[in-house]
Protein backbone atom coordinates (compact mmCIF):
# COMPACT_ATOMS: atom_id res chain seq x y z
CA MET A 1 18.20 142.45 94.53
CA PHE A 2 17.02 140.00 97.17
CA ALA A 3 14.74 138.29 94.67
CA TRP A 4 17.76 137.67 92.41
CA ILE A 5 19.71 136.13 95.31
CA ALA A 6 16.71 133.94 96.17
CA ILE A 7 16.52 132.71 92.57
CA LEU A 8 20.25 131.88 92.52
CA GLY A 9 19.92 130.11 95.86
CA GLN A 10 17.26 127.80 94.45
CA ALA A 11 19.14 126.99 91.25
CA ASN A 12 20.27 123.42 90.78
CA LEU A 13 23.97 123.84 90.19
CA PRO A 14 26.08 120.84 89.15
CA ASP A 15 28.17 119.17 91.81
CA LEU A 16 31.45 117.31 91.56
CA SER A 17 29.79 113.90 91.15
CA ALA A 18 28.43 115.01 87.77
CA VAL A 19 31.91 116.09 86.70
CA GLU A 20 33.36 112.80 87.95
CA ASN A 21 30.78 110.78 86.00
CA TRP A 22 31.50 112.84 82.89
CA GLY A 23 35.22 112.15 83.28
CA LEU A 24 34.61 108.42 83.70
CA ASN A 25 32.50 108.39 80.54
CA ILE A 26 35.26 110.15 78.58
CA VAL A 27 37.94 107.71 79.81
CA THR A 28 35.74 104.72 79.01
CA GLN A 29 35.08 106.04 75.51
CA VAL A 30 38.81 106.59 74.92
CA ILE A 31 39.52 103.01 76.03
CA THR A 32 36.81 101.76 73.68
CA LEU A 33 38.27 103.68 70.74
CA ILE A 34 41.77 102.35 71.41
CA VAL A 35 40.47 98.78 71.64
CA ILE A 36 38.51 99.15 68.41
CA PHE A 37 41.68 100.36 66.70
CA LEU A 38 43.75 97.48 68.10
CA VAL A 39 41.14 94.85 67.26
CA THR A 40 40.77 96.03 63.67
CA LYS A 41 44.55 96.21 63.27
CA HIS A 42 45.03 92.66 64.55
CA LEU A 43 42.03 91.31 62.63
CA ALA A 44 43.61 92.60 59.43
CA LYS A 45 46.66 90.48 60.23
CA PHE A 46 44.53 87.50 61.39
CA ARG A 47 46.07 87.53 64.86
CA VAL A 48 43.29 86.09 67.01
CA GLY A 49 45.39 85.91 70.16
CA ALA A 50 46.19 89.61 69.96
CA VAL A 51 42.50 90.44 69.49
CA VAL A 52 41.53 88.41 72.56
CA SER A 53 44.33 89.91 74.66
CA ALA A 54 43.32 93.45 73.62
CA CYS A 55 39.72 92.77 74.68
CA ILE A 56 40.82 91.31 78.03
CA PHE A 57 43.18 94.22 78.67
CA ALA A 58 40.42 96.71 77.85
CA ALA A 59 38.00 94.97 80.19
CA VAL A 60 40.50 95.06 83.04
CA VAL A 61 41.36 98.74 82.50
CA THR A 62 37.69 99.70 82.23
CA PHE A 63 36.90 97.82 85.45
CA VAL A 64 39.75 99.56 87.26
CA VAL A 65 38.66 102.99 86.03
CA GLN A 66 35.01 102.49 86.96
CA ASN A 67 35.71 100.83 90.34
CA TRP A 68 38.75 102.78 91.49
CA ASP A 69 37.76 102.83 95.18
CA GLN A 70 37.32 99.07 95.35
CA VAL A 71 40.59 98.40 93.52
CA THR A 72 42.53 100.69 95.86
CA GLU A 73 41.03 98.85 98.84
CA TRP A 74 42.22 95.55 97.33
CA VAL A 75 45.71 96.95 96.83
CA GLU A 76 45.84 98.29 100.39
CA ALA A 77 44.69 94.92 101.74
CA LEU A 78 47.37 93.15 99.67
CA ILE A 79 50.07 95.53 100.93
CA ASP A 80 48.91 95.01 104.53
CA LEU A 81 49.01 91.24 103.98
CA LEU A 82 52.61 91.37 102.78
């Protein structure tokens, strides 16, 4: 019985950072799929401005998702400034 507890105590169990990274990857992939859909839709209509704006919007959203702590600090600093 004690040997089993010792084995479980030495096991490398996942922590919350692994789950957080997995969630960030999923959100980034969803953003990528939406942008691919929008770009192909606007390319079919030859709307270059819409393609560029979709790419810019995706870049901004991806940056915010991946750097949430930094963005919240910027927002707090802006609120304190006002």
